[in-house]
Amino acid sequence: MLKLGILGLGEGRSTISAALASSKYTLKTICDANEDMCRQRAKEFDFHQYTTNYQDMLDDPEIDVIAIYTPDHLHAEHVKLALQHGKHVVCTKPFIDDLSKANELLQISKQSGKKVFVGQSSRFFEPVKRQRKDFEAGLIGDLITIEGYYHADHRWFLEKGWSLKQSFKWLYGGLSHPTDFIRWYLPNIEEVMGYGMLSANGAKAGLKNQDTMHFIFKATDGRIARVSGAYTGPVQPVTRDSEMSCILRGTEGCSQADYMDLRYAVTTNTGEEQMITWEHKLKHYFRFEGKSHHAGEYQNYLEYFADSIHEGTVAYPDLKEGIGTIALLQAMDRSLSTGLPVRIDAILEEYQIAKEDLSSAG
């Protein structure tokens, strides 16, 4: 069993639950700069091995893996320190917020020989896992195009002070999920074009950046994809639509994986139409306050990462793929501000990131 340390106990709450329920990890230490948060989690999980000093976990020779759930601007430094101290790393998405640190992380990761895994949790939700399995089995033929969206009534976020800061962008906080689906199936995106706006609800609340966005992507092989996000208005009833979804349109079939609903639909290459649900797994995926945290996905990806460590395989999204996704998100961000198409190569060249250094695909 791998020994795990967790840094950042807000979002890390799900990972505490995941680790304690997993047969592949022993939770060794949890850490947060806020001691009240440490005490709260210690009481909640009856787990009392905590510290407010990250260095304590870094210096612990028993810890094999550190899982990082700190604010985005701290990810690069926290990942760097973990690698330098010989730890494997799980880092929540979005991976880093500053591509100027990408080359250093690539070099340190190579030198350390340790693995970095980016926690794109949506890939590890049951309908999305099934969709990927069916796709790889050729059930819908060759991929023609992919559509992703994340539409949610997140007006409750506007009550949080940090959401009204200039630094908060729904592009990274929300749209990064369906954008990751796009890169999962079309890793070679070369250009993106998008428009965004700040809705009346968002403007009234004091939101600084766009809360409504639509993007079109073009891959090097000519295939196209689209993504949309809207975050501060009502959504349809769940019986009609899910907040987030991934739709694959193939030469011989089509599939749709929903989130947060455990629902999947596919038209197979035989013309058979299937609708599959996993209501019996609700308690695995959602363990706190309805569907506010996602411990099941986190447990799934922690165990996937454990298997990759034991088997010597690559766990995707890895460091390279994580950096590539950030480059794509920054290209999307630039397109919003300029109103023009943006090539991904232009972003990589700006930060002197060599494309061959990112040549991994999951």
Protein backbone atom coordinates (compact mmCIF):
# COMPACT_ATOMS: atom_id res chain seq x y z
CA MET A 1 0.00 0.00 0.00
CA LEU A 2 1.15 3.52 -0.79
CA LYS A 3 1.36 6.08 2.00
CA LEU A 4 -0.39 9.34 1.16
CA GLY A 5 -0.13 12.91 2.34
CA ILE A 6 -2.82 15.47 1.47
CA LEU A 7 -2.14 19.22 1.16
CA GLY A 8 -5.14 21.57 1.19
CA LEU A 9 -8.15 20.32 3.12
CA GLY A 10 -10.98 22.24 1.46
CA GLU A 11 -11.21 20.32 -1.78
CA GLY A 12 -8.92 17.76 -0.16
CA ARG A 13 -11.87 16.67 1.93
CA SER A 14 -12.95 14.33 -0.87
CA THR A 15 -9.46 12.84 -1.03
CA ILE A 16 -9.41 12.14 2.70
CA SER A 17 -12.61 10.13 2.26
CA ALA A 18 -11.23 8.45 -0.85
CA ALA A 19 -7.94 7.46 0.78
CA LEU A 20 -9.57 6.10 3.93
CA ALA A 21 -11.93 3.96 1.82
CA SER A 22 -9.22 2.68 -0.53
CA SER A 23 -7.38 -0.62 -0.21
CA LYS A 24 -4.44 0.83 -2.14
CA TYR A 25 -3.49 3.70 0.20
CA THR A 26 -2.73 4.37 3.81
CA LEU A 27 -3.41 7.97 4.77
CA LYS A 28 -0.34 9.17 6.66
CA THR A 29 -0.76 12.92 7.16
CA ILE A 30 -3.11 15.75 6.20
CA CYS A 31 -1.99 19.37 5.99
CA ASP A 32 -3.51 22.83 5.74
CA ALA A 33 -2.14 26.26 6.65
CA ASN A 34 -5.38 26.87 8.54
CA GLU A 35 -5.23 24.90 11.80
CA ASP A 36 -8.99 25.25 12.35
CA MET A 37 -9.51 23.45 9.04
CA CYS A 38 -7.14 20.70 10.19
CA ARG A 39 -9.07 20.27 13.42
CA GLN A 40 -12.38 20.22 11.53
CA ARG A 41 -11.23 17.44 9.20
CA ALA A 42 -9.61 15.52 12.07
CA LYS A 43 -12.93 15.48 13.89
CA GLU A 44 -14.98 14.73 10.77
CA PHE A 45 -12.91 11.70 9.78
CA ASP A 46 -11.55 10.71 13.19
CA PHE A 47 -8.09 11.07 11.68
CA HIS A 48 -5.76 13.11 13.84
CA GLN A 49 -2.38 13.01 12.11
CA TYR A 50 -2.29 16.59 10.79
CA THR A 51 0.19 19.44 10.43
CA THR A 52 0.07 23.07 9.34
CA ASN A 53 3.59 22.87 7.88
CA TYR A 54 3.98 21.40 4.38
CA GLN A 55 7.66 20.76 5.10
CA ASP A 56 6.67 18.13 7.66
CA MET A 57 5.13 16.00 4.91
CA LEU A 58 7.99 16.67 2.51
CA ASP A 59 10.51 15.48 5.11
CA ASP A 60 8.55 12.33 5.99
CA PRO A 61 10.38 9.42 4.30
CA GLU A 62 7.33 7.17 4.68
CA ILE A 63 5.11 9.29 2.42
CA ASP A 64 5.12 8.01 -1.17
CA VAL A 65 2.52 10.31 -2.74
CA ILE A 66 1.44 13.89 -2.01
CA ALA A 67 -1.98 15.02 -3.24
CA ILE A 68 -2.22 18.80 -3.74
CA TYR A 69 -5.46 20.79 -3.44
CA THR A 70 -4.19 24.29 -2.75
CA PRO A 71 -5.12 27.50 -4.65
CA ASP A 72 -4.08 27.45 -8.32
CA HIS A 73 -1.27 29.99 -8.00
CA LEU A 74 0.49 27.73 -5.47
CA HIS A 75 0.37 24.51 -7.49
CA ALA A 76 3.68 24.93 -9.35
CA GLU A 77 5.72 25.53 -6.18
CA HIS A 78 3.99 22.77 -4.23
CA VAL A 79 4.48 20.26 -7.08
CA LYS A 80 8.11 21.29 -7.46
CA LEU A 81 8.84 20.78 -3.76
CA ALA A 82 7.15 17.38 -3.70
CA LEU A 83 9.20 16.17 -6.67
CA GLN A 84 12.42 17.51 -5.18
CA HIS A 85 11.68 15.53 -2.02
CA GLY A 86 11.16 12.30 -3.94
CA LYS A 87 7.38 12.12 -3.85
CA HIS A 88 4.93 11.14 -6.55
CA VAL A 89 2.35 13.87 -7.06
CA VAL A 90 -1.38 14.19 -7.59
CA CYS A 91 -2.37 17.79 -8.36
CA THR A 92 -5.91 19.01 -8.81
CA LYS A 93 -6.88 20.84 -11.97
CA PRO A 94 -6.18 23.35 -13.39
CA PHE A 95 -2.59 22.18 -13.11
CA ILE A 96 -0.65 25.47 -13.03
CA ASP A 97 -1.63 29.06 -13.71
CA ASP A 98 1.74 30.25 -15.02
CA LEU A 99 3.26 28.56 -18.08
CA SER A 100 6.60 30.25 -17.42
CA LYS A 101 7.11 27.52 -14.79
CA ALA A 102 6.36 24.64 -17.17
CA ASN A 103 9.90 23.94 -18.40
CA GLU A 104 11.28 23.88 -14.86
CA LEU A 105 8.65 21.36 -13.79
CA LEU A 106 9.31 19.19 -16.84
CA GLN A 107 13.02 19.14 -16.00
CA ILE A 108 12.54 18.49 -12.28
CA SER A 109 10.07 15.69 -12.99
CA LYS A 110 12.54 14.04 -15.36
CA GLN A 111 15.36 14.34 -12.84
CA SER A 112 13.30 13.00 -9.94
CA GLY A 113 11.95 9.97 -11.77
CA LYS A 114 8.64 10.50 -9.97
CA LYS A 115 5.20 10.61 -11.55
CA VAL A 116 2.85 13.59 -11.73
CA PHE A 117 -0.86 13.03 -12.27
CA VAL A 118 -3.39 15.84 -12.87
CA GLY A 119 -6.69 15.18 -11.11
CA GLN A 120 -9.15 15.76 -13.95
CA SER A 121 -11.80 14.03 -11.89
CA SER A 122 -14.55 14.12 -14.52
CA ARG A 123 -12.72 11.47 -16.55
CA PHE A 124 -13.24 9.09 -13.64
CA PHE A 125 -17.01 9.42 -13.36
CA GLU A 126 -18.88 6.23 -14.26
CA PRO A 127 -20.68 7.39 -17.45
CA VAL A 128 -17.51 9.05 -18.77
CA LYS A 129 -15.46 5.91 -18.04
CA ARG A 130 -18.01 3.80 -19.93
CA GLN A 131 -18.05 6.23 -22.86
CA ARG A 132 -14.27 6.01 -23.16
CA LYS A 133 -14.34 2.21 -22.96
CA ASP A 134 -16.98 2.00 -25.69
CA PHE A 135 -15.07 4.44 -27.87
CA GLU A 136 -11.81 2.50 -27.55
CA ALA A 137 -13.71 -0.70 -28.39
CA GLY A 138 -14.86 0.89 -31.67
CA LEU A 139 -18.53 0.91 -30.72
CA ILE A 140 -19.19 4.23 -32.49
CA GLY A 141 -16.57 3.89 -35.23
CA ASP A 142 -14.10 6.69 -35.95
CA LEU A 143 -14.63 10.01 -34.23
CA ILE A 144 -16.10 12.75 -36.40
CA THR A 145 -16.59 15.48 -33.81
CA ILE A 146 -16.99 16.08 -30.09
CA GLU A 147 -19.17 18.50 -28.15
CA GLY A 148 -18.83 19.34 -24.47
CA TYR A 149 -20.61 21.71 -22.16
CA TYR A 150 -20.90 22.71 -18.53
CA HIS A 151 -23.98 24.78 -17.73
CA ALA A 152 -24.76 25.26 -14.05
CA ASP A 153 -26.61 27.61 -11.75
CA HIS A 154 -23.61 28.59 -9.67
CA ARG A 155 -25.00 31.88 -8.41
CA TRP A 156 -24.24 30.61 -4.90
CA PHE A 157 -20.55 30.99 -5.80
CA LEU A 158 -21.09 34.73 -6.01
CA GLU A 159 -21.57 34.80 -2.25
CA LYS A 160 -17.94 33.78 -1.84
CA GLY A 161 -15.61 36.77 -1.74
CA TRP A 162 -12.89 35.14 -3.83
CA SER A 163 -15.28 34.61 -6.77
CA LEU A 164 -15.60 38.36 -7.22
CA LYS A 165 -11.86 38.96 -7.50
CA GLN A 166 -10.24 39.80 -10.83
CA SER A 167 -8.22 36.57 -10.59
CA PHE A 168 -11.30 34.31 -10.67
CA LYS A 169 -12.33 33.09 -14.11
CA TRP A 170 -15.02 30.54 -14.88
CA LEU A 171 -12.92 29.58 -17.89
CA TYR A 172 -10.46 27.84 -15.56
CA GLY A 173 -12.77 27.04 -12.65
CA GLY A 174 -15.55 25.46 -14.70
CA LEU A 175 -14.97 25.20 -18.43
CA SER A 176 -11.68 23.35 -17.88
CA HIS A 177 -13.73 20.17 -17.31
CA PRO A 178 -15.39 19.86 -20.75
CA THR A 179 -12.26 21.34 -22.37
CA ASP A 180 -10.36 18.39 -20.93
CA PHE A 181 -12.82 16.06 -22.67
CA ILE A 182 -11.97 17.77 -25.96
CA ARG A 183 -8.22 17.25 -25.48
CA TRP A 184 -8.77 13.67 -24.32
CA TYR A 185 -10.27 12.72 -27.66
CA LEU A 186 -8.58 15.32 -29.89
CA PRO A 187 -5.16 15.93 -28.31
CA ASN A 188 -3.79 17.79 -31.34
CA ILE A 189 -5.85 20.97 -31.20
CA GLU A 190 -4.07 23.64 -33.24
CA GLU A 191 -6.43 26.62 -33.07
CA VAL A 192 -9.32 27.91 -30.98
CA MET A 193 -11.84 30.71 -31.41
CA GLY A 194 -14.28 31.86 -28.77
CA TYR A 195 -16.63 34.56 -27.60
CA GLY A 196 -17.67 35.32 -24.06
CA MET A 197 -19.83 37.73 -22.14
CA LEU A 198 -20.65 38.72 -18.59
CA SER A 199 -24.32 38.02 -17.96
CA ALA A 200 -26.67 40.46 -16.26
CA ASN A 201 -26.70 38.23 -13.17
CA GLY A 202 -22.92 38.10 -13.01
CA ALA A 203 -22.51 41.85 -13.55
CA LYS A 204 -25.08 42.66 -10.89
CA ALA A 205 -23.23 40.49 -8.35
CA GLY A 206 -19.88 42.10 -9.16
CA LEU A 207 -18.28 39.27 -11.14
CA LYS A 208 -15.26 40.59 -13.05
CA ASN A 209 -14.87 38.06 -15.88
CA GLN A 210 -17.06 36.27 -18.42
CA ASP A 211 -19.57 33.75 -17.07
CA THR A 212 -20.99 32.76 -20.48
CA MET A 213 -18.72 31.37 -23.21
CA HIS A 214 -18.74 29.41 -26.48
CA PHE A 215 -15.66 28.05 -28.25
CA ILE A 216 -14.83 26.24 -31.50
CA PHE A 217 -11.65 24.13 -31.81
CA LYS A 218 -9.79 22.85 -34.86
CA ALA A 219 -7.38 19.90 -34.71
CA THR A 220 -4.36 19.40 -36.95
CA ASP A 221 -6.23 16.68 -38.88
CA GLY A 222 -9.09 19.09 -39.66
CA ARG A 223 -11.61 17.74 -37.17
CA ILE A 224 -13.53 20.30 -35.16
CA ALA A 225 -15.09 20.42 -31.70
CA ARG A 226 -17.05 22.84 -29.57
CA VAL A 227 -17.45 23.70 -25.89
CA SER A 228 -19.82 25.99 -24.05
CA GLY A 229 -20.23 27.18 -20.48
CA ALA A 230 -22.82 29.27 -18.64
CA TYR A 231 -22.65 29.63 -14.86
CA THR A 232 -24.93 32.26 -13.32
CA GLY A 233 -28.44 31.42 -14.50
CA PRO A 234 -31.05 28.69 -14.07
CA VAL A 235 -30.70 25.35 -15.85
CA GLN A 236 -33.22 22.87 -17.24
CA PRO A 237 -34.69 20.13 -15.04
CA VAL A 238 -32.29 17.22 -14.65
CA THR A 239 -34.82 14.90 -16.28
CA ARG A 240 -34.24 16.86 -19.49
CA ASP A 241 -30.54 17.66 -19.33
CA SER A 242 -27.44 17.38 -17.17
CA GLU A 243 -25.24 20.25 -16.05
CA MET A 244 -22.26 18.79 -17.87
CA SER A 245 -22.02 16.37 -20.76
CA CYS A 246 -19.67 14.95 -23.37
CA ILE A 247 -21.08 13.97 -26.77
CA LEU A 248 -19.08 11.89 -29.26
CA ARG A 249 -20.32 11.68 -32.83
CA GLY A 250 -18.73 8.85 -34.79
CA THR A 251 -18.90 7.31 -38.24
CA GLU A 252 -21.01 4.39 -36.98
CA GLY A 253 -22.64 5.62 -33.77
CA CYS A 254 -22.95 8.34 -31.16
CA SER A 255 -22.63 8.48 -27.38
CA GLN A 256 -23.35 10.92 -24.57
CA ALA A 257 -21.98 10.76 -21.02
CA ASP A 258 -23.71 12.94 -18.43
CA TYR A 259 -22.41 14.53 -15.24
CA MET A 260 -23.34 14.76 -12.34
CA ASP A 261 -26.10 12.35 -13.29
CA LEU A 262 -25.07 8.71 -13.52
CA ARG A 263 -26.51 8.41 -17.01
CA TYR A 264 -25.06 7.30 -20.34
CA ALA A 265 -26.64 6.87 -23.77
CA VAL A 266 -25.19 5.27 -26.88
CA THR A 267 -26.25 4.37 -30.40
CA THR A 268 -23.89 1.54 -31.32
CA ASN A 269 -22.45 0.45 -34.66
CA THR A 270 -25.27 -2.10 -34.87
CA GLY A 271 -27.93 0.60 -34.58
CA GLU A 272 -28.87 -0.51 -31.04
CA GLU A 273 -29.87 2.33 -28.73
CA GLN A 274 -28.89 1.93 -25.08
CA MET A 275 -29.52 4.01 -21.96
CA ILE A 276 -27.52 3.01 -18.89
CA THR A 277 -27.66 4.37 -15.33
CA TRP A 278 -25.72 3.59 -12.18
CA GLU A 279 -27.99 4.76 -9.38
CA HIS A 280 -26.65 1.96 -7.16
CA LYS A 281 -23.28 3.75 -7.17
CA LEU A 282 -24.59 7.08 -5.89
CA LYS A 283 -23.10 6.52 -2.43
CA HIS A 284 -19.71 5.78 -3.93
CA TYR A 285 -19.57 8.96 -5.97
CA PHE A 286 -21.34 11.44 -3.70
CA ARG A 287 -20.65 11.23 0.02
CA PHE A 288 -21.21 14.77 1.32
CA GLU A 289 -24.17 17.19 1.20
CA GLY A 290 -25.89 15.83 -1.85
CA LYS A 291 -23.50 16.27 -4.77
CA SER A 292 -21.26 19.02 -3.43
CA HIS A 293 -18.10 16.88 -3.31
CA HIS A 294 -16.91 14.08 -5.53
CA ALA A 295 -15.06 11.55 -3.41
CA GLY A 296 -15.93 8.63 -5.69
CA GLU A 297 -14.14 10.11 -8.67
CA TYR A 298 -11.18 10.95 -6.48
CA GLN A 299 -11.00 7.40 -5.17
CA ASN A 300 -11.18 6.09 -8.73
CA TYR A 301 -8.31 8.29 -9.88
CA LEU A 302 -6.18 7.69 -6.79
CA GLU A 303 -6.43 3.95 -7.39
CA TYR A 304 -5.70 4.38 -11.09
CA PHE A 305 -2.58 6.35 -10.12
CA ALA A 306 -1.55 3.69 -7.60
CA ASP A 307 -1.79 1.04 -10.31
CA SER A 308 0.37 3.15 -12.64
CA ILE A 309 3.05 3.48 -9.95
CA HIS A 310 3.10 -0.25 -9.26
CA GLU A 311 3.01 -1.22 -12.95
CA GLY A 312 5.40 1.47 -14.22
CA THR A 313 2.85 2.90 -16.66
CA VAL A 314 1.87 6.50 -17.40
CA ALA A 315 -1.20 7.84 -15.59
CA TYR A 316 -3.08 10.31 -17.77
CA PRO A 317 -3.44 13.25 -17.62
CA ASP A 318 0.27 13.36 -16.76
CA LEU A 319 2.50 16.42 -16.35
CA LYS A 320 2.88 16.90 -20.10
CA GLU A 321 -0.81 16.65 -20.83
CA GLY A 322 -1.59 18.96 -17.93
CA ILE A 323 0.72 21.63 -19.33
CA GLY A 324 -0.80 21.20 -22.80
CA THR A 325 -4.29 21.73 -21.41
CA ILE A 326 -3.21 24.93 -19.67
CA ALA A 327 -1.74 26.17 -22.97
CA LEU A 328 -5.10 25.49 -24.62
CA LEU A 329 -7.00 27.27 -21.84
CA GLN A 330 -4.69 30.28 -22.13
CA ALA A 331 -5.28 30.34 -25.89
CA MET A 332 -9.02 30.32 -25.17
CA ASP A 333 -8.55 33.15 -22.67
CA ARG A 334 -6.66 35.18 -25.26
CA SER A 335 -9.33 34.59 -27.88
CA LEU A 336 -11.95 35.93 -25.47
CA SER A 337 -9.97 39.15 -25.00
CA THR A 338 -8.94 39.67 -28.64
CA GLY A 339 -11.99 38.33 -30.50
CA LEU A 340 -9.60 36.48 -32.81
CA PRO A 341 -8.59 32.85 -33.39
CA VAL A 342 -5.48 31.85 -31.41
CA ARG A 343 -3.03 29.13 -32.37
CA ILE A 344 -1.79 26.90 -29.56
CA ASP A 345 1.73 26.96 -31.00
CA ALA A 346 1.82 30.72 -30.45
CA ILE A 347 1.25 30.21 -26.72
CA LEU A 348 3.90 27.48 -26.49
CA GLU A 349 6.42 29.58 -28.43
CA GLU A 350 5.77 32.56 -26.18
CA TYR A 351 6.79 30.50 -23.16
CA GLN A 352 9.54 28.64 -25.06
CA ILE A 353 7.90 25.28 -24.46
CA ALA A 354 8.98 22.71 -27.04
CA LYS A 355 6.11 20.74 -28.55
CA GLU A 356 8.17 17.56 -28.44
CA ASP A 357 8.43 17.95 -24.66
CA LEU A 358 4.64 17.62 -24.49
CA SER A 359 4.34 14.63 -26.81
CA SER A 360 2.35 12.32 -24.60
CA ALA A 361 -1.26 11.38 -25.14
CA GLY A 362 -3.75 9.67 -22.89
